[in-house]
C-alpha atoms as a PDB file:
ATOM      1  CA  MET A   1     -20.563  -6.084   9.675  1.00  0.00           C
ATOM      2  CA  THR A   2     -17.148  -4.741   8.716  1.00  0.00           C
ATOM      3  CA  GLN A   3     -15.709  -2.187  11.098  1.00  0.00           C
ATOM      4  CA  GLN A   4     -14.714   1.078   9.437  1.00  0.00           C
ATOM      5  CA  VAL A   5     -11.718   3.252  10.251  1.00  0.00           C
ATOM      6  CA  PRO A   6     -13.034   6.678  11.268  1.00  0.00           C
ATOM      7  CA  SER A   7     -11.696   9.625   9.316  1.00  0.00           C
ATOM      8  CA  ASP A   8      -9.468  12.049  11.178  1.00  0.00           C
ATOM      9  CA  ASP A   9      -9.580  15.591   9.867  1.00  0.00           C
ATOM     10  CA  SER A  10      -7.788  17.101  12.836  1.00  0.00           C
ATOM     11  CA  GLY A  11      -4.316  15.828  11.978  1.00  0.00           C
ATOM     12  CA  ASP A  12      -2.120  13.772  14.265  1.00  0.00           C
ATOM     13  CA  ILE A  13      -3.529  12.854  17.644  1.00  0.00           C
ATOM     14  CA  ASP A  14      -1.441  13.964  20.613  1.00  0.00           C
ATOM     15  CA  THR A  15      -1.100  10.616  22.354  1.00  0.00           C
ATOM     16  CA  ASP A  16       0.758  12.215  25.244  1.00  0.00           C
ATOM     17  CA  ALA A  17      -2.504  13.955  26.189  1.00  0.00           C
ATOM     18  CA  ILE A  18      -4.993  11.102  25.929  1.00  0.00           C
ATOM     19  CA  PRO A  19      -8.288  11.918  27.695  1.00  0.00           C
ATOM     20  CA  ALA A  20      -8.656  10.232  31.060  1.00  0.00           C
ATOM     21  CA  ASP A  21     -11.935   8.575  30.066  1.00  0.00           C
ATOM     22  CA  ILE A  22     -10.168   6.638  27.317  1.00  0.00           C
ATOM     23  CA  LEU A  23      -7.471   5.344  29.650  1.00  0.00           C
ATOM     24  CA  GLN A  24     -10.056   4.500  32.316  1.00  0.00           C
ATOM     25  CA  GLY A  25     -10.303   0.742  32.414  1.00  0.00           C
ATOM     26  CA  VAL A  26      -6.854   0.204  30.885  1.00  0.00           C
ATOM     27  CA  VAL A  27      -5.202  -2.026  33.474  1.00  0.00           C
ATOM     28  CA  ILE A  28      -1.405  -1.957  33.390  1.00  0.00           C
ATOM     29  CA  PRO A  29       0.020  -4.718  35.596  1.00  0.00           C
ATOM     30  CA  PRO A  30       2.145  -3.303  38.433  1.00  0.00           C
ATOM     31  CA  ARG A  31       5.846  -4.049  38.476  1.00  0.00           C
ATOM     32  CA  PRO A  32       6.465  -7.253  40.470  1.00  0.00           C
ATOM     33  CA  ALA A  33       8.386  -6.728  43.706  1.00  0.00           C
ATOM     34  CA  VAL A  34      11.093  -9.202  42.724  1.00  0.00           C
ATOM     35  CA  LEU A  35      11.790  -7.269  39.540  1.00  0.00           C
ATOM     36  CA  ALA A  36      11.936  -3.954  41.406  1.00  0.00           C
ATOM     37  CA  ASP A  37      14.408  -5.449  43.896  1.00  0.00           C
ATOM     38  CA  LEU A  38      16.574  -6.935  41.144  1.00  0.00           C
ATOM     39  CA  GLN A  39      16.662  -3.694  39.192  1.00  0.00           C
ATOM     40  CA  SER A  40      17.533  -1.752  42.347  1.00  0.00           C
ATOM     41  CA  GLU A  41      20.470  -4.063  43.012  1.00  0.00           C
ATOM     42  CA  LEU A  42      21.599  -3.933  39.395  1.00  0.00           C
ATOM     43  CA  ARG A  43      21.716  -0.114  39.463  1.00  0.00           C
ATOM     44  CA  LYS A  44      24.275  -0.118  42.272  1.00  0.00           C
ATOM     45  CA  ASP A  45      27.917   0.619  41.481  1.00  0.00           C
ATOM     46  CA  ASP A  46      28.844  -2.805  42.819  1.00  0.00           C
ATOM     47  CA  PRO A  47      25.826  -5.141  42.522  1.00  0.00           C
ATOM     48  CA  ASP A  48      25.802  -8.059  44.946  1.00  0.00           C
ATOM     49  CA  GLN A  49      25.577 -11.257  42.895  1.00  0.00           C
ATOM     50  CA  ARG A  50      24.692 -13.288  45.994  1.00  0.00           C
ATOM     51  CA  ARG A  51      21.724 -11.048  46.766  1.00  0.00           C
ATOM     52  CA  ILE A  52      20.505 -11.297  43.175  1.00  0.00           C
ATOM     53  CA  ALA A  53      20.751 -15.083  43.423  1.00  0.00           C
ATOM     54  CA  ARG A  54      18.802 -15.084  46.702  1.00  0.00           C
ATOM     55  CA  LEU A  55      16.068 -12.906  45.206  1.00  0.00           C
ATOM     56  CA  ALA A  56      15.674 -15.256  42.241  1.00  0.00           C
ATOM     57  CA  MET A  57      15.791 -18.423  44.356  1.00  0.00           C
ATOM     58  CA  ALA A  58      13.147 -17.130  46.771  1.00  0.00           C
ATOM     59  CA  ASP A  59      10.554 -18.082  44.150  1.00  0.00           C
ATOM     60  CA  VAL A  60      10.840 -21.778  43.290  1.00  0.00           C
ATOM     61  CA  ALA A  61       8.759 -21.470  40.129  1.00  0.00           C
ATOM     62  CA  LEU A  62      10.877 -18.520  38.987  1.00  0.00           C
ATOM     63  CA  THR A  63      14.075 -20.476  39.579  1.00  0.00           C
ATOM     64  CA  ALA A  64      12.766 -23.425  37.565  1.00  0.00           C
ATOM     65  CA  ALA A  65      11.670 -21.185  34.710  1.00  0.00           C
ATOM     66  CA  LEU A  66      15.019 -19.376  34.733  1.00  0.00           C
ATOM     67  CA  LEU A  67      17.019 -22.605  34.517  1.00  0.00           C
ATOM     68  CA  LYS A  68      14.788 -23.897  31.727  1.00  0.00           C
ATOM     69  CA  ALA A  69      15.295 -20.649  29.794  1.00  0.00           C
ATOM     70  CA  VAL A  70      19.071 -20.468  30.138  1.00  0.00           C
ATOM     71  CA  ASN A  71      19.453 -24.087  29.030  1.00  0.00           C
ATOM     72  CA  SER A  72      17.315 -23.583  25.921  1.00  0.00           C
ATOM     73  CA  ALA A  73      18.637 -23.495  22.373  1.00  0.00           C
ATOM     74  CA  ALA A  74      18.238 -19.718  22.323  1.00  0.00           C
ATOM     75  CA  PHE A  75      21.266 -19.278  24.612  1.00  0.00           C
ATOM     76  CA  SER A  76      23.502 -22.091  23.319  1.00  0.00           C
ATOM     77  CA  VAL A  77      25.438 -22.434  26.589  1.00  0.00           C
ATOM     78  CA  SER A  78      28.542 -24.629  26.427  1.00  0.00           C
ATOM     79  CA  ARG A  79      27.457 -26.800  29.371  1.00  0.00           C
ATOM     80  CA  ARG A  80      24.228 -27.305  31.256  1.00  0.00           C
ATOM     81  CA  ILE A  81      23.513 -24.696  33.927  1.00  0.00           C
ATOM     82  CA  GLU A  82      22.339 -26.315  37.169  1.00  0.00           C
ATOM     83  CA  SER A  83      21.858 -23.333  39.505  1.00  0.00           C
ATOM     84  CA  VAL A  84      21.083 -19.626  39.612  1.00  0.00           C
ATOM     85  CA  ASP A  85      24.674 -18.966  40.740  1.00  0.00           C
ATOM     86  CA  GLN A  86      25.969 -20.755  37.636  1.00  0.00           C
ATOM     87  CA  ALA A  87      23.602 -18.767  35.439  1.00  0.00           C
ATOM     88  CA  LEU A  88      24.862 -15.514  36.918  1.00  0.00           C
ATOM     89  CA  SER A  89      28.501 -16.549  36.488  1.00  0.00           C
ATOM     90  CA  MET A  90      28.122 -17.771  32.902  1.00  0.00           C
ATOM     91  CA  LEU A  91      25.656 -15.202  31.538  1.00  0.00           C
ATOM     92  CA  GLY A  92      26.205 -12.156  33.731  1.00  0.00           C
ATOM     93  CA  LEU A  93      23.901 -10.161  35.987  1.00  0.00           C
ATOM     94  CA  LYS A  94      22.226  -8.075  33.287  1.00  0.00           C
ATOM     95  CA  ARG A  95      21.457 -11.068  31.109  1.00  0.00           C
ATOM     96  CA  VAL A  96      19.907 -13.022  33.970  1.00  0.00           C
ATOM     97  CA  VAL A  97      17.776 -10.057  35.067  1.00  0.00           C
ATOM     98  CA  ALA A  98      16.610  -9.658  31.454  1.00  0.00           C
ATOM     99  CA  ILE A  99      15.570 -13.329  31.397  1.00  0.00           C
ATOM    100  CA  ILE A 100      13.740 -12.956  34.712  1.00  0.00           C
ATOM    101  CA  THR A 101      11.977  -9.884  33.322  1.00  0.00           C
ATOM    102  CA  ALA A 102      10.722 -12.011  30.433  1.00  0.00           C
ATOM    103  CA  ILE A 103       9.505 -14.725  32.812  1.00  0.00           C
ATOM    104  CA  VAL A 104       7.549 -12.407  35.097  1.00  0.00           C
ATOM    105  CA  LEU A 105       6.129 -10.579  32.082  1.00  0.00           C
ATOM    106  CA  ARG A 106       4.475 -13.819  30.968  1.00  0.00           C
ATOM    107  CA  ARG A 107       3.037 -14.249  34.445  1.00  0.00           C
ATOM    108  CA  TYR A 108       1.455 -10.831  34.677  1.00  0.00           C
ATOM    109  CA  VAL A 109       0.151 -10.228  31.149  1.00  0.00           C
ATOM    110  CA  LYS A 110      -2.985 -12.167  30.240  1.00  0.00           C
ATOM    111  CA  THR A 111      -2.965 -13.643  26.746  1.00  0.00           C
ATOM    112  CA  ASP A 112      -5.735 -16.226  27.084  1.00  0.00           C
ATOM    113  CA  SER A 113      -7.901 -14.688  24.359  1.00  0.00           C
ATOM    114  CA  PRO A 114      -8.275 -16.848  21.225  1.00  0.00           C
ATOM    115  CA  ASN A 115      -7.031 -13.821  19.293  1.00  0.00           C
ATOM    116  CA  LEU A 116      -3.696 -14.000  21.142  1.00  0.00           C
ATOM    117  CA  THR A 117      -2.844 -17.684  20.795  1.00  0.00           C
ATOM    118  CA  ARG A 118       0.457 -16.894  19.034  1.00  0.00           C
ATOM    119  CA  PHE A 119       1.370 -13.823  21.087  1.00  0.00           C
ATOM    120  CA  TRP A 120       4.230 -15.290  23.122  1.00  0.00           C
ATOM    121  CA  ASP A 121       5.509 -17.351  20.205  1.00  0.00           C
ATOM    122  CA  VAL A 122       5.880 -14.198  18.110  1.00  0.00           C
ATOM    123  CA  ALA A 123       7.324 -12.292  21.084  1.00  0.00           C
ATOM    124  CA  ALA A 124       9.954 -15.003  21.615  1.00  0.00           C
ATOM    125  CA  LYS A 125      10.919 -15.005  17.941  1.00  0.00           C
ATOM    126  CA  ARG A 126      11.127 -11.218  17.916  1.00  0.00           C
ATOM    127  CA  SER A 127      13.186 -11.111  21.094  1.00  0.00           C
ATOM    128  CA  TYR A 128      15.588 -13.729  19.721  1.00  0.00           C
ATOM    129  CA  ALA A 129      16.018 -11.868  16.439  1.00  0.00           C
ATOM    130  CA  VAL A 130      16.436  -8.396  17.931  1.00  0.00           C
ATOM    131  CA  SER A 131      18.983  -9.567  20.517  1.00  0.00           C
ATOM    132  CA  LYS A 132      20.916 -11.506  17.869  1.00  0.00           C
ATOM    133  CA  LEU A 133      21.023  -8.452  15.620  1.00  0.00           C
ATOM    134  CA  ALA A 134      22.143  -6.321  18.564  1.00  0.00           C
ATOM    135  CA  ARG A 135      24.939  -8.771  19.305  1.00  0.00           C
ATOM    136  CA  LYS A 136      26.250  -8.964  15.741  1.00  0.00           C
ATOM    137  CA  VAL A 137      25.417  -5.537  14.302  1.00  0.00           C
ATOM    138  CA  GLY A 138      25.985  -3.567  17.516  1.00  0.00           C
ATOM    139  CA  GLY A 139      24.903  -0.160  18.707  1.00  0.00           C
ATOM    140  CA  VAL A 140      22.441  -1.519  21.277  1.00  0.00           C
ATOM    141  CA  ASP A 141      22.813  -3.354  24.577  1.00  0.00           C
ATOM    142  CA  VAL A 142      21.963  -7.013  23.891  1.00  0.00           C
ATOM    143  CA  ASP A 143      19.988  -7.472  27.091  1.00  0.00           C
ATOM    144  CA  ALA A 144      17.973  -4.313  26.433  1.00  0.00           C
ATOM    145  CA  ALA A 145      17.244  -5.667  22.967  1.00  0.00           C
ATOM    146  CA  GLN A 146      15.931  -8.914  24.428  1.00  0.00           C
ATOM    147  CA  VAL A 147      13.597  -7.024  26.750  1.00  0.00           C
ATOM    148  CA  PHE A 148      12.446  -4.756  23.924  1.00  0.00           C
ATOM    149  CA  GLY A 149      11.536  -7.758  21.816  1.00  0.00           C
ATOM    150  CA  LEU A 150       9.248  -9.074  24.534  1.00  0.00           C
ATOM    151  CA  PHE A 151       7.691  -5.751  25.550  1.00  0.00           C
ATOM    152  CA  CYS A 152       7.243  -4.362  22.034  1.00  0.00           C
ATOM    153  CA  ASP A 153       3.605  -5.437  21.580  1.00  0.00           C
ATOM    154  CA  VAL A 154       2.647  -5.894  25.232  1.00  0.00           C
ATOM    155  CA  GLY A 155       0.027  -3.157  24.841  1.00  0.00           C
ATOM    156  CA  ILE A 156      -2.026  -5.452  22.576  1.00  0.00           C
ATOM    157  CA  PRO A 157      -3.298  -7.839  25.285  1.00  0.00           C
ATOM    158  CA  ILE A 158      -3.873  -4.867  27.592  1.00  0.00           C
ATOM    159  CA  LEU A 159      -6.081  -3.145  24.998  1.00  0.00           C
ATOM    160  CA  MET A 160      -7.753  -6.478  24.252  1.00  0.00           C
ATOM    161  CA  GLN A 161      -9.058  -6.429  27.825  1.00  0.00           C
ATOM    162  CA  ARG A 162     -10.092  -2.773  27.653  1.00  0.00           C
ATOM    163  CA  PHE A 163     -11.985  -2.746  24.335  1.00  0.00           C
ATOM    164  CA  PRO A 164     -14.339  -5.631  23.387  1.00  0.00           C
ATOM    165  CA  ASP A 165     -14.087  -4.705  19.698  1.00  0.00           C
ATOM    166  CA  TYR A 166     -10.282  -4.534  19.678  1.00  0.00           C
ATOM    167  CA  PRO A 167      -9.866  -7.847  17.770  1.00  0.00           C
ATOM    168  CA  ALA A 168     -11.710  -6.250  14.832  1.00  0.00           C
ATOM    169  CA  THR A 169      -9.317  -3.299  15.042  1.00  0.00           C
ATOM    170  CA  LEU A 170      -6.348  -5.657  14.836  1.00  0.00           C
ATOM    171  CA  LYS A 171      -7.736  -7.140  11.644  1.00  0.00           C
ATOM    172  CA  LEU A 172      -8.068  -3.675  10.126  1.00  0.00           C
ATOM    173  CA  CYS A 173      -4.513  -2.849  11.149  1.00  0.00           C
ATOM    174  CA  ASP A 174      -3.188  -6.045   9.581  1.00  0.00           C
ATOM    175  CA  GLN A 175      -5.005  -5.281   6.324  1.00  0.00           C
ATOM    176  CA  GLU A 176      -3.935  -1.630   6.047  1.00  0.00           C
ATOM    177  CA  ASP A 177      -1.400  -0.858   3.296  1.00  0.00           C
ATOM    178  CA  LEU A 178      -0.620   2.806   3.951  1.00  0.00           C
ATOM    179  CA  LEU A 179      -1.586   4.117   7.389  1.00  0.00           C
ATOM    180  CA  PRO A 180       0.599   3.188  10.368  1.00  0.00           C
ATOM    181  CA  PHE A 181      -0.756   0.396  12.545  1.00  0.00           C
ATOM    182  CA  THR A 182      -1.038   2.718  15.542  1.00  0.00           C
ATOM    183  CA  GLU A 183      -2.826   5.426  13.554  1.00  0.00           C
ATOM    184  CA  ILE A 184      -5.764   3.103  12.965  1.00  0.00           C
ATOM    185  CA  GLU A 185      -5.862   2.162  16.652  1.00  0.00           C
ATOM    186  CA  ARG A 186      -5.937   5.823  17.669  1.00  0.00           C
ATOM    187  CA  ARG A 187      -8.722   6.663  15.248  1.00  0.00           C
ATOM    188  CA  ILE A 188     -10.894   3.903  16.639  1.00  0.00           C
ATOM    189  CA  HIS A 189      -9.970   3.807  20.322  1.00  0.00           C
ATOM    190  CA  GLY A 190      -8.212   7.110  21.009  1.00  0.00           C
ATOM    191  CA  THR A 191      -5.008   5.347  22.018  1.00  0.00           C
ATOM    192  CA  ASP A 192      -2.695   2.653  20.663  1.00  0.00           C
ATOM    193  CA  HIS A 193      -0.808  -0.389  21.873  1.00  0.00           C
ATOM    194  CA  ALA A 194       2.635   1.196  21.412  1.00  0.00           C
ATOM    195  CA  PHE A 195       1.717   4.056  23.728  1.00  0.00           C
ATOM    196  CA  ILE A 196       0.225   1.701  26.337  1.00  0.00           C
ATOM    197  CA  GLY A 197       3.219  -0.626  26.035  1.00  0.00           C
ATOM    198  CA  SER A 198       5.627   2.249  26.615  1.00  0.00           C
ATOM    199  CA  LEU A 199       3.665   3.252  29.727  1.00  0.00           C
ATOM    200  CA  MET A 200       3.967  -0.263  31.080  1.00  0.00           C
ATOM    201  CA  ALA A 201       7.674  -0.499  30.234  1.00  0.00           C
ATOM    202  CA  LYS A 202       8.326   2.781  32.037  1.00  0.00           C
ATOM    203  CA  SER A 203       6.330   1.695  35.094  1.00  0.00           C
ATOM    204  CA  TRP A 204       8.308  -1.578  35.159  1.00  0.00           C
ATOM    205  CA  GLY A 205      11.632   0.286  35.268  1.00  0.00           C
ATOM    206  CA  ILE A 206      12.699  -0.623  31.732  1.00  0.00           C
ATOM    207  CA  ALA A 207      15.516   1.449  30.199  1.00  0.00           C
ATOM    208  CA  PRO A 208      14.424   4.745  28.550  1.00  0.00           C
ATOM    209  CA  ALA A 209      15.888   3.760  25.167  1.00  0.00           C
ATOM    210  CA  VAL A 210      13.711   0.636  25.182  1.00  0.00           C
ATOM    211  CA  THR A 211      10.654   2.578  26.322  1.00  0.00           C
ATOM    212  CA  GLN A 212      11.054   5.067  23.483  1.00  0.00           C
ATOM    213  CA  ALA A 213      11.628   2.294  20.967  1.00  0.00           C
ATOM    214  CA  ILE A 214       8.334   0.714  22.035  1.00  0.00           C
ATOM    215  CA  ARG A 215       6.572   4.083  21.809  1.00  0.00           C
ATOM    216  CA  TYR A 216       7.648   4.715  18.212  1.00  0.00           C
ATOM    217  CA  SER A 217       7.854   1.113  16.985  1.00  0.00           C
ATOM    218  CA  HIS A 218       5.110   1.608  14.373  1.00  0.00           C
ATOM    219  CA  ASP A 219       5.981   5.156  13.297  1.00  0.00           C
ATOM    220  CA  PRO A 220       7.578   5.146   9.811  1.00  0.00           C
ATOM    221  CA  MET A 221       8.708   8.744  10.325  1.00  0.00           C
ATOM    222  CA  VAL A 222      10.809   7.893  13.370  1.00  0.00           C
ATOM    223  CA  PHE A 223      13.880   7.374  11.196  1.00  0.00           C
ATOM    224  CA  GLN A 224      13.787  11.060  10.328  1.00  0.00           C
ATOM    225  CA  ASP A 225      13.301  12.289  13.895  1.00  0.00           C
ATOM    226  CA  PRO A 226      16.571  13.591  15.412  1.00  0.00           C
ATOM    227  CA  LYS A 227      15.016  13.702  18.895  1.00  0.00           C
ATOM    228  CA  VAL A 228      14.732   9.916  19.125  1.00  0.00           C
ATOM    229  CA  PRO A 229      17.893   8.290  20.552  1.00  0.00           C
ATOM    230  CA  VAL A 230      20.061   6.309  18.157  1.00  0.00           C
ATOM    231  CA  ALA A 231      19.724   3.181  20.315  1.00  0.00           C
ATOM    232  CA  SER A 232      15.928   3.406  20.039  1.00  0.00           C
ATOM    233  CA  ILE A 233      16.152   3.844  16.269  1.00  0.00           C
ATOM    234  CA  ARG A 234      18.298   0.737  15.959  1.00  0.00           C
ATOM    235  CA  LEU A 235      15.904  -1.295  18.084  1.00  0.00           C
ATOM    236  CA  ILE A 236      13.003  -0.239  15.859  1.00  0.00           C
ATOM    237  CA  ALA A 237      15.022  -1.120  12.750  1.00  0.00           C
ATOM    238  CA  PHE A 238      15.985  -4.505  14.216  1.00  0.00           C
ATOM    239  CA  ASN A 239      12.322  -5.118  15.003  1.00  0.00           C
ATOM    240  CA  LEU A 240      11.305  -4.499  11.407  1.00  0.00           C
ATOM    241  CA  VAL A 241      13.886  -7.023  10.225  1.00  0.00           C
ATOM    242  CA  ALA A 242      12.549  -9.479  12.808  1.00  0.00           C
ATOM    243  CA  GLU A 243       8.977  -8.849  11.633  1.00  0.00           C
ATOM    244  CA  LEU A 244       9.976  -9.576   8.043  1.00  0.00           C
ATOM    245  CA  ALA A 245      11.762 -12.779   9.073  1.00  0.00           C
ATOM    246  CA  ILE A 246       8.759 -13.987  11.081  1.00  0.00           C
ATOM    247  CA  GLN A 247       6.449 -13.315   8.149  1.00  0.00           C
ATOM    248  CA  ARG A 248       8.756 -15.197   5.788  1.00  0.00           C
ATOM    249  CA  TYR A 249       8.993 -18.083   8.219  1.00  0.00           C
ATOM    250  CA  ASN A 250       5.193 -18.249   8.272  1.00  0.00           C
ATOM    251  CA  GLY A 251       5.130 -18.493   4.490  1.00  0.00           C
ATOM    252  CA  LEU A 252       4.079 -14.883   3.896  1.00  0.00           C
ATOM    253  CA  HIS A 253       6.211 -13.016   1.396  1.00  0.00           C
ATOM    254  CA  VAL A 254       4.659  -9.627   2.113  1.00  0.00           C
ATOM    255  CA  SER A 255       5.086  -7.669   5.324  1.00  0.00           C
ATOM    256  CA  LYS A 256       2.936  -4.566   5.435  1.00  0.00           C
ATOM    257  CA  GLU A 257       4.991  -3.143   8.286  1.00  0.00           C
ATOM    258  CA  TRP A 258       8.176  -3.616   6.264  1.00  0.00           C
ATOM    259  CA  ASN A 259       6.560  -2.005   3.224  1.00  0.00           C
ATOM    260  CA  LYS A 260       5.742   1.074   5.326  1.00  0.00           C
ATOM    261  CA  ALA A 261       9.097   1.524   7.044  1.00  0.00           C
ATOM    262  CA  GLY A 262      11.605  -0.957   5.633  1.00  0.00           C
ATOM    263  CA  ASP A 263      13.544   1.640   3.656  1.00  0.00           C
ATOM    264  CA  GLY A 264      14.075   3.626   6.831  1.00  0.00           C
ATOM    265  CA  ALA A 265      15.283   0.513   8.649  1.00  0.00           C
ATOM    266  CA  ILE A 266      17.778  -0.372   5.922  1.00  0.00           C
ATOM    267  CA  GLY A 267      19.083   3.187   5.957  1.00  0.00           C
ATOM    268  CA  ALA A 268      19.421   3.236   9.757  1.00  0.00           C
ATOM    269  CA  LEU A 269      21.310  -0.056   9.759  1.00  0.00           C
ATOM    270  CA  MET A 270      23.240   0.682   6.553  1.00  0.00           C
ATOM    271  CA  PHE A 271      22.235  -2.718   5.202  1.00  0.00           C
ATOM    272  CA  SER A 272      22.434  -3.703   1.564  1.00  0.00           C
ATOM    273  CA  GLU A 273      19.698  -5.877   0.068  1.00  0.00           C
ATOM    274  CA  GLU A 274      22.161  -8.758   0.286  1.00  0.00           C
ATOM    275  CA  ASP A 275      22.748  -8.079   3.993  1.00  0.00           C
ATOM    276  CA  LEU A 276      19.016  -8.091   4.592  1.00  0.00           C
ATOM    277  CA  GLU A 277      18.440 -11.370   2.781  1.00  0.00           C
ATOM    278  CA  GLU A 278      21.308 -13.023   4.649  1.00  0.00           C
ATOM    279  CA  TRP A 279      19.767 -12.000   7.951  1.00  0.00           C
ATOM    280  CA  ILE A 280      16.307 -13.190   6.933  1.00  0.00           C
ATOM    281  CA  GLU A 281      17.747 -16.553   5.948  1.00  0.00           C
ATOM    282  CA  GLU A 282      19.727 -16.870   9.197  1.00  0.00           C
ATOM    283  CA  LEU A 283      16.718 -16.005  11.346  1.00  0.00           C
ATOM    284  CA  THR A 284      14.238 -18.228   9.513  1.00  0.00           C
ATOM    285  CA  ASP A 285      16.714 -21.105   9.794  1.00  0.00           C
ATOM    286  CA  ALA A 286      16.913 -20.506  13.545  1.00  0.00           C
ATOM    287  CA  TYR A 287      13.109 -20.462  13.811  1.00  0.00           C
ATOM    288  CA  ALA A 288      12.929 -23.732  11.908  1.00  0.00           C
ATOM    289  CA  GLN A 289      15.349 -25.353  14.365  1.00  0.00           C
ATOM    290  CA  GLY A 290      13.255 -24.192  17.322  1.00  0.00           C
ATOM    291  CA  LEU A 291      14.046 -21.774  20.145  1.00  0.00           C
ATOM    292  CA  ASP A 292      12.678 -23.698  23.116  1.00  0.00           C
END
């Protein structure tokens, strides 16, 4: 039986005042101790690179995953990196902590549902695209952009665990032409993955601009909201470009998310149609070459 989207005659739902019974059972993974320690060191006026290296090397699996990541095609390093110290020297403290954040995120967020088989693949492509746009277009910290790309949809697997019928909701969201993705989620479940994802990002010590970008990532009206920081707006715009590129790469020439908010993204980035197409071509070429 097809699931129906309930009507909402009361106007917008205040997602900052979600009833406790709805959030009951929503399990947000706690911030790993290693990430808390790294972030604490990074916030110091003079971070100790040796301490950051020791924290990373204390976990053998983390060290191995870090070295594999920094030597991947996504980073295009000039020579192979053999140690955490080399990674810190060549990429910088913030970049390495961003990579570690991505690694521990994969550890702590369960995506073993058949409905989430492509979750990390899409997250990696998004993170690559958003960080590349941040590097070349500017206006956003590149490392924050990388983290945003990975955290953007992290609320989806969390809600998948909370609501047995959530996969059916995802299908409705993917098929919807007009209503925002998160509006359908709220009508059915009383909350949405962007809100849950922003809660997790905040609890994990992620930068406020990233947290807000996650919160409003599916709101087409965000581009007209002066209260949302410019950095968050740019991240959301970059994400829409990434979404369009991923869809094109998968052979789909229609992106419903782009149709809902693409004009706002182009305006925020001051892109021409030619600029957009050049970026889509560059990103799809990168996806075709592989990011691992």
